[in-house]
Amino acid sequence: MNRTFRGVAYVSVWVVIWGTVASLMDWMLLTGEVYETASSGQAVTFIAYGAATVVLATRFSGRFLADADSEAPDQE
């Protein structure tokens, strides 16, 4: 698979993960009346989940973005 395509797909998947998880947490906090819509608490929620997603995506990137040549077993 093309390295550029794998990189774009990898980032896209992490953006979807971030948006889904942050939105679910935001919904829970809004329905629990912890904060109101368009408040600083809502911004902090999305920023915090965004930062956590960046850390996780960076840590796991080596597993998914490694060259196909390095994944193939040596054949002699």
N, C-alpha and C. Protein backbone atom coordinates (compact mmCIF):
# COMPACT_ATOMS: atom_id res chain seq x y z
N MET A 1 0.85 -1.17 0.00
CA MET A 1 0.00 0.00 0.00
C MET A 1 0.90 1.24 0.00
N ASN A 2 0.50 2.24 -0.69
CA ASN A 2 1.26 3.49 -0.79
C ASN A 2 1.45 4.12 0.59
N ARG A 3 2.66 4.53 0.89
CA ARG A 3 2.98 5.10 2.21
C ARG A 3 2.18 6.37 2.49
N THR A 4 2.00 7.22 1.50
CA THR A 4 1.22 8.45 1.68
C THR A 4 -0.23 8.12 1.99
N PHE A 5 -0.79 7.18 1.26
CA PHE A 5 -2.18 6.78 1.51
C PHE A 5 -2.34 6.23 2.92
N ARG A 6 -1.39 5.39 3.35
CA ARG A 6 -1.46 4.84 4.71
C ARG A 6 -1.39 5.95 5.75
N GLY A 7 -0.55 6.94 5.52
CA GLY A 7 -0.45 8.06 6.45
C GLY A 7 -1.73 8.86 6.54
N VAL A 8 -2.32 9.15 5.39
CA VAL A 8 -3.58 9.91 5.36
C VAL A 8 -4.70 9.10 6.01
N ALA A 9 -4.75 7.81 5.71
CA ALA A 9 -5.77 6.95 6.32
C ALA A 9 -5.59 6.87 7.83
N TYR A 10 -4.34 6.77 8.28
CA TYR A 10 -4.05 6.68 9.71
C TYR A 10 -4.52 7.94 10.44
N VAL A 11 -4.18 9.09 9.91
CA VAL A 11 -4.59 10.35 10.53
C VAL A 11 -6.11 10.49 10.50
N SER A 12 -6.72 10.10 9.39
CA SER A 12 -8.19 10.20 9.27
C SER A 12 -8.89 9.35 10.31
N VAL A 13 -8.41 8.15 10.52
CA VAL A 13 -9.01 7.27 11.53
C VAL A 13 -8.88 7.89 12.92
N TRP A 14 -7.74 8.46 13.23
CA TRP A 14 -7.57 9.09 14.55
C TRP A 14 -8.43 10.33 14.71
N VAL A 15 -8.68 11.07 13.63
CA VAL A 15 -9.58 12.23 13.72
C VAL A 15 -11.00 11.76 14.02
N VAL A 16 -11.42 10.67 13.39
CA VAL A 16 -12.76 10.12 13.65
C VAL A 16 -12.85 9.63 15.10
N ILE A 17 -11.81 8.95 15.56
CA ILE A 17 -11.79 8.47 16.96
C ILE A 17 -11.90 9.65 17.91
N TRP A 18 -11.07 10.68 17.68
CA TRP A 18 -11.10 11.86 18.55
C TRP A 18 -12.49 12.50 18.55
N GLY A 19 -13.05 12.71 17.37
CA GLY A 19 -14.35 13.36 17.29
C GLY A 19 -15.45 12.56 17.97
N THR A 20 -15.42 11.26 17.79
CA THR A 20 -16.45 10.40 18.38
C THR A 20 -16.35 10.37 19.90
N VAL A 21 -15.15 10.11 20.41
CA VAL A 21 -14.98 10.02 21.87
C VAL A 21 -15.23 11.36 22.54
N ALA A 22 -14.70 12.44 21.98
CA ALA A 22 -14.90 13.76 22.57
C ALA A 22 -16.37 14.17 22.52
N SER A 23 -17.04 13.84 21.44
CA SER A 23 -18.47 14.18 21.33
C SER A 23 -19.32 13.40 22.32
N LEU A 24 -19.00 12.13 22.51
CA LEU A 24 -19.75 11.34 23.50
C LEU A 24 -19.53 11.87 24.91
N MET A 25 -18.29 12.21 25.24
CA MET A 25 -18.02 12.77 26.56
C MET A 25 -18.70 14.14 26.71
N ASP A 26 -18.66 14.95 25.67
CA ASP A 26 -19.31 16.25 25.69
C ASP A 26 -20.82 16.08 25.92
N TRP A 27 -21.41 15.12 25.23
CA TRP A 27 -22.85 14.87 25.39
C TRP A 27 -23.16 14.49 26.84
N MET A 28 -22.32 13.62 27.41
CA MET A 28 -22.55 13.20 28.80
C MET A 28 -22.44 14.39 29.76
N LEU A 29 -21.46 15.24 29.53
CA LEU A 29 -21.28 16.40 30.41
C LEU A 29 -22.39 17.43 30.22
N LEU A 30 -22.87 17.58 28.99
CA LEU A 30 -23.98 18.51 28.74
C LEU A 30 -25.28 18.00 29.36
N THR A 31 -25.57 16.71 29.21
CA THR A 31 -26.81 16.18 29.78
C THR A 31 -26.72 16.10 31.30
N GLY A 32 -25.53 15.99 31.84
CA GLY A 32 -25.35 16.00 33.28
C GLY A 32 -25.29 17.40 33.85
N GLU A 33 -25.45 18.40 32.97
CA GLU A 33 -25.44 19.81 33.34
C GLU A 33 -24.17 20.21 34.08
N VAL A 34 -23.03 19.64 33.66
CA VAL A 34 -21.74 20.02 34.22
C VAL A 34 -21.32 21.37 33.66
N TYR A 35 -21.61 21.60 32.39
CA TYR A 35 -21.37 22.90 31.76
C TYR A 35 -22.41 23.13 30.67
N GLU A 36 -22.42 24.34 30.12
CA GLU A 36 -23.41 24.70 29.11
C GLU A 36 -22.76 24.71 27.72
N THR A 37 -23.61 24.70 26.71
CA THR A 37 -23.14 24.77 25.33
C THR A 37 -22.36 26.06 25.11
N ALA A 38 -21.28 25.96 24.36
CA ALA A 38 -20.42 27.09 23.98
C ALA A 38 -19.68 27.69 25.19
N SER A 39 -19.47 26.90 26.22
CA SER A 39 -18.73 27.39 27.38
C SER A 39 -17.26 26.98 27.26
N SER A 40 -16.46 27.52 28.15
CA SER A 40 -15.03 27.17 28.14
C SER A 40 -14.84 25.69 28.51
N GLY A 41 -15.72 25.14 29.30
CA GLY A 41 -15.65 23.72 29.65
C GLY A 41 -15.77 22.83 28.44
N GLN A 42 -16.60 23.22 27.51
CA GLN A 42 -16.77 22.45 26.29
C GLN A 42 -15.48 22.52 25.45
N ALA A 43 -14.87 23.67 25.37
CA ALA A 43 -13.61 23.81 24.63
C ALA A 43 -12.50 22.99 25.28
N VAL A 44 -12.45 23.02 26.60
CA VAL A 44 -11.42 22.25 27.32
C VAL A 44 -11.61 20.76 27.09
N THR A 45 -12.85 20.30 27.04
CA THR A 45 -13.13 18.88 26.79
C THR A 45 -12.56 18.45 25.44
N PHE A 46 -12.84 19.22 24.40
CA PHE A 46 -12.36 18.84 23.07
C PHE A 46 -10.85 18.99 22.95
N ILE A 47 -10.27 20.00 23.57
CA ILE A 47 -8.82 20.19 23.52
C ILE A 47 -8.12 19.06 24.28
N ALA A 48 -8.63 18.69 25.44
CA ALA A 48 -8.01 17.61 26.23
C ALA A 48 -8.07 16.29 25.49
N TYR A 49 -9.22 15.98 24.90
CA TYR A 49 -9.32 14.73 24.14
C TYR A 49 -8.47 14.79 22.87
N GLY A 50 -8.34 15.95 22.28
CA GLY A 50 -7.47 16.11 21.13
C GLY A 50 -6.02 15.85 21.50
N ALA A 51 -5.58 16.39 22.64
CA ALA A 51 -4.20 16.16 23.09
C ALA A 51 -3.95 14.69 23.39
N ALA A 52 -4.90 14.04 24.05
CA ALA A 52 -4.75 12.62 24.35
C ALA A 52 -4.70 11.79 23.07
N THR A 53 -5.49 12.17 22.08
CA THR A 53 -5.49 11.45 20.81
C THR A 53 -4.16 11.62 20.08
N VAL A 54 -3.59 12.81 20.13
CA VAL A 54 -2.29 13.03 19.49
C VAL A 54 -1.22 12.16 20.14
N VAL A 55 -1.24 12.08 21.46
CA VAL A 55 -0.26 11.24 22.17
C VAL A 55 -0.43 9.78 21.77
N LEU A 56 -1.65 9.28 21.79
CA LEU A 56 -1.89 7.88 21.42
C LEU A 56 -1.53 7.60 19.96
N ALA A 57 -1.92 8.49 19.07
CA ALA A 57 -1.62 8.30 17.65
C ALA A 57 -0.12 8.28 17.40
N THR A 58 0.61 9.13 18.11
CA THR A 58 2.06 9.16 17.95
C THR A 58 2.70 7.89 18.48
N ARG A 59 2.22 7.41 19.62
CA ARG A 59 2.78 6.19 20.20
C ARG A 59 2.52 4.96 19.33
N PHE A 60 1.36 4.88 18.69
CA PHE A 60 1.01 3.71 17.89
C PHE A 60 1.44 3.83 16.43
N SER A 61 1.93 4.97 16.01
CA SER A 61 2.23 5.18 14.59
C SER A 61 3.30 4.23 14.06
N GLY A 62 4.26 3.87 14.86
CA GLY A 62 5.31 2.97 14.40
C GLY A 62 4.78 1.61 13.98
N ARG A 63 3.75 1.15 14.64
CA ARG A 63 3.16 -0.15 14.31
C ARG A 63 2.42 -0.14 12.98
N PHE A 64 1.79 0.97 12.66
CA PHE A 64 0.94 1.01 11.49
C PHE A 64 1.57 1.67 10.28
N LEU A 65 2.59 2.48 10.50
CA LEU A 65 3.19 3.20 9.38
C LEU A 65 4.56 2.66 9.00
N ALA A 66 4.95 1.51 9.53
CA ALA A 66 6.24 0.91 9.19
C ALA A 66 6.23 0.51 7.71
N ASP A 67 7.42 0.56 7.11
CA ASP A 67 7.54 0.17 5.70
C ASP A 67 7.16 -1.29 5.52
N ALA A 68 6.56 -1.60 4.41
CA ALA A 68 6.17 -2.98 4.11
C ALA A 68 7.40 -3.87 4.02
N ASP A 69 8.54 -3.31 3.58
CA ASP A 69 9.77 -4.11 3.47
C ASP A 69 10.26 -4.58 4.83
N SER A 70 10.09 -3.75 5.86
CA SER A 70 10.55 -4.13 7.18
C SER A 70 9.61 -5.12 7.85
N GLU A 71 8.36 -5.24 7.35
CA GLU A 71 7.41 -6.16 7.93
C GLU A 71 7.56 -7.57 7.35
N ALA A 72 8.13 -7.68 6.17
CA ALA A 72 8.26 -8.98 5.50
C ALA A 72 9.38 -9.78 6.15
N PRO A 73 9.16 -11.09 6.36
CA PRO A 73 10.21 -11.92 6.93
C PRO A 73 11.34 -12.11 5.94
N ASP A 74 12.54 -12.31 6.44
CA ASP A 74 13.70 -12.52 5.57
C ASP A 74 13.56 -13.86 4.86
N GLN A 75 13.76 -13.84 3.58
CA GLN A 75 13.72 -15.07 2.80
C GLN A 75 15.06 -15.25 2.12
N GLU A 76 15.66 -16.38 2.35
CA GLU A 76 16.96 -16.65 1.74
C GLU A 76 16.89 -17.80 0.80
